[in-house]
Amino acid sequence: MSDSAISLGPSGAPAEHGCTINSREQELADEHDELEERTEELAAARAANRELTRALNHAG
């Protein structure tokens, strides 16, 4: 095999693409986790806003 030969991964794709795919999958998983966390924070903020609005409406 020559020095310029490309190493193939299990699927026959160049091994470097497997690393890129794994890296992108991890980035996607991280972004999904962050989105889930922010969605939960938004839901909590909305609930607090509803409670404050309700309290203001009953006070006035």
N, C-alpha and C. Protein backbone atom coordinates (compact mmCIF):
# COMPACT_ATOMS: atom_id res chain seq x y z
N MET A 1 0.85 -1.17 0.00
CA MET A 1 0.00 0.00 0.00
C MET A 1 0.89 1.23 0.00
N SER A 2 0.55 2.24 -0.76
CA SER A 2 1.37 3.44 -0.83
C SER A 2 1.04 4.37 0.32
N ASP A 3 1.90 5.38 0.52
CA ASP A 3 1.68 6.36 1.59
C ASP A 3 0.45 7.21 1.33
N SER A 4 0.03 7.34 0.08
CA SER A 4 -1.11 8.19 -0.25
C SER A 4 -2.42 7.42 -0.25
N ALA A 5 -2.39 6.15 0.12
CA ALA A 5 -3.63 5.36 0.15
C ALA A 5 -4.54 5.86 1.25
N ILE A 6 -5.84 5.78 0.99
CA ILE A 6 -6.84 6.22 1.96
C ILE A 6 -7.27 5.02 2.79
N SER A 7 -7.29 5.20 4.08
CA SER A 7 -7.77 4.15 4.99
C SER A 7 -9.29 4.12 4.92
N LEU A 8 -9.83 2.93 4.73
CA LEU A 8 -11.28 2.81 4.64
C LEU A 8 -11.86 2.31 5.95
N GLY A 9 -12.99 2.88 6.31
CA GLY A 9 -13.70 2.45 7.52
C GLY A 9 -14.53 1.22 7.21
N PRO A 10 -15.31 0.75 8.18
CA PRO A 10 -16.09 -0.47 8.02
C PRO A 10 -17.09 -0.43 6.87
N SER A 11 -17.63 0.73 6.55
CA SER A 11 -18.63 0.81 5.49
C SER A 11 -18.00 1.01 4.12
N GLY A 12 -16.68 1.09 4.09
CA GLY A 12 -16.01 1.34 2.82
C GLY A 12 -15.79 2.82 2.58
N ALA A 13 -16.31 3.67 3.45
CA ALA A 13 -16.09 5.11 3.34
C ALA A 13 -14.73 5.44 3.94
N PRO A 14 -14.11 6.49 3.49
CA PRO A 14 -12.83 6.86 4.09
C PRO A 14 -12.99 7.04 5.61
N ALA A 15 -12.02 6.55 6.36
CA ALA A 15 -12.10 6.58 7.83
C ALA A 15 -12.26 7.99 8.35
N GLU A 16 -11.65 8.97 7.68
CA GLU A 16 -11.76 10.36 8.16
C GLU A 16 -13.21 10.84 8.16
N HIS A 17 -14.03 10.31 7.25
CA HIS A 17 -15.45 10.70 7.23
C HIS A 17 -16.18 10.13 8.44
N GLY A 18 -15.78 8.96 8.89
CA GLY A 18 -16.38 8.38 10.08
C GLY A 18 -16.13 9.25 11.29
N CYS A 19 -14.92 9.80 11.39
CA CYS A 19 -14.60 10.70 12.50
C CYS A 19 -15.44 11.97 12.40
N THR A 20 -15.59 12.49 11.19
CA THR A 20 -16.39 13.70 11.00
C THR A 20 -17.84 13.43 11.35
N ILE A 21 -18.36 12.30 10.94
CA ILE A 21 -19.75 11.94 11.24
C ILE A 21 -19.93 11.81 12.74
N ASN A 22 -19.01 11.12 13.41
CA ASN A 22 -19.11 10.97 14.87
C ASN A 22 -19.06 12.31 15.56
N SER A 23 -18.20 13.19 15.08
CA SER A 23 -18.09 14.53 15.65
C SER A 23 -19.39 15.30 15.47
N ARG A 24 -19.96 15.22 14.28
CA ARG A 24 -21.22 15.93 14.00
C ARG A 24 -22.37 15.34 14.81
N GLU A 25 -22.39 14.02 14.98
CA GLU A 25 -23.44 13.40 15.78
C GLU A 25 -23.35 13.87 17.23
N GLN A 26 -22.11 14.00 17.75
CA GLN A 26 -21.93 14.48 19.12
C GLN A 26 -22.37 15.94 19.23
N GLU A 27 -22.02 16.76 18.24
CA GLU A 27 -22.45 18.16 18.24
C GLU A 27 -23.97 18.25 18.23
N LEU A 28 -24.60 17.42 17.42
CA LEU A 28 -26.05 17.41 17.33
C LEU A 28 -26.67 17.01 18.67
N ALA A 29 -26.11 16.00 19.30
CA ALA A 29 -26.62 15.56 20.60
C ALA A 29 -26.46 16.67 21.64
N ASP A 30 -25.32 17.36 21.61
CA ASP A 30 -25.09 18.46 22.54
C ASP A 30 -26.09 19.59 22.31
N GLU A 31 -26.31 19.93 21.05
CA GLU A 31 -27.26 20.99 20.71
C GLU A 31 -28.68 20.60 21.12
N HIS A 32 -29.01 19.33 20.95
CA HIS A 32 -30.34 18.84 21.35
C HIS A 32 -30.53 18.98 22.85
N ASP A 33 -29.49 18.63 23.61
CA ASP A 33 -29.55 18.76 25.07
C ASP A 33 -29.73 20.22 25.48
N GLU A 34 -28.99 21.11 24.81
CA GLU A 34 -29.10 22.54 25.12
C GLU A 34 -30.49 23.07 24.78
N LEU A 35 -31.04 22.64 23.65
CA LEU A 35 -32.38 23.06 23.26
C LEU A 35 -33.41 22.57 24.28
N GLU A 36 -33.26 21.34 24.73
CA GLU A 36 -34.18 20.79 25.72
C GLU A 36 -34.11 21.60 27.02
N GLU A 37 -32.90 21.95 27.43
CA GLU A 37 -32.72 22.73 28.66
C GLU A 37 -33.36 24.12 28.51
N ARG A 38 -33.14 24.75 27.39
CA ARG A 38 -33.72 26.09 27.17
C ARG A 38 -35.23 26.03 27.05
N THR A 39 -35.75 24.97 26.49
CA THR A 39 -37.20 24.80 26.39
C THR A 39 -37.81 24.68 27.79
N GLU A 40 -37.13 23.94 28.66
CA GLU A 40 -37.60 23.81 30.05
C GLU A 40 -37.54 25.16 30.77
N GLU A 41 -36.46 25.91 30.53
CA GLU A 41 -36.34 27.24 31.15
C GLU A 41 -37.43 28.18 30.65
N LEU A 42 -37.73 28.10 29.37
CA LEU A 42 -38.78 28.93 28.80
C LEU A 42 -40.14 28.58 29.40
N ALA A 43 -40.40 27.30 29.55
CA ALA A 43 -41.67 26.87 30.15
C ALA A 43 -41.78 27.37 31.59
N ALA A 44 -40.68 27.33 32.35
CA ALA A 44 -40.70 27.83 33.72
C ALA A 44 -40.92 29.34 33.75
N ALA A 45 -40.28 30.06 32.84
CA ALA A 45 -40.46 31.52 32.78
C ALA A 45 -41.89 31.87 32.40
N ARG A 46 -42.47 31.13 31.49
CA ARG A 46 -43.86 31.38 31.10
C ARG A 46 -44.81 31.12 32.27
N ALA A 47 -44.56 30.05 33.02
CA ALA A 47 -45.40 29.74 34.17
C ALA A 47 -45.29 30.85 35.22
N ALA A 48 -44.09 31.33 35.46
CA ALA A 48 -43.91 32.42 36.42
C ALA A 48 -44.62 33.68 35.94
N ASN A 49 -44.53 33.94 34.65
CA ASN A 49 -45.20 35.12 34.07
C ASN A 49 -46.71 35.01 34.24
N ARG A 50 -47.26 33.83 34.01
CA ARG A 50 -48.71 33.63 34.20
C ARG A 50 -49.11 33.89 35.65
N GLU A 51 -48.32 33.38 36.57
CA GLU A 51 -48.62 33.57 37.99
C GLU A 51 -48.56 35.05 38.37
N LEU A 52 -47.55 35.76 37.89
CA LEU A 52 -47.43 37.19 38.19
C LEU A 52 -48.59 37.98 37.59
N THR A 53 -48.96 37.64 36.38
CA THR A 53 -50.07 38.31 35.71
C THR A 53 -51.37 38.06 36.48
N ARG A 54 -51.55 36.81 36.88
CA ARG A 54 -52.75 36.44 37.66
C ARG A 54 -52.80 37.23 38.97
N ALA A 55 -51.64 37.32 39.65
CA ALA A 55 -51.58 38.05 40.93
C ALA A 55 -51.88 39.52 40.72
N LEU A 56 -51.36 40.11 39.67
CA LEU A 56 -51.62 41.53 39.37
C LEU A 56 -53.09 41.76 39.06
N ASN A 57 -53.69 40.86 38.32
CA ASN A 57 -55.11 41.00 37.96
C ASN A 57 -56.02 40.89 39.19
N HIS A 58 -55.66 40.05 40.13
CA HIS A 58 -56.48 39.88 41.33
C HIS A 58 -56.26 41.03 42.33
N ALA A 59 -55.08 41.63 42.29
CA ALA A 59 -54.76 42.72 43.20
C ALA A 59 -55.45 44.02 42.78
N GLY A 60 -55.68 44.17 41.49
CA GLY A 60 -56.22 45.43 40.99
C GLY A 60 -57.69 45.39 40.94
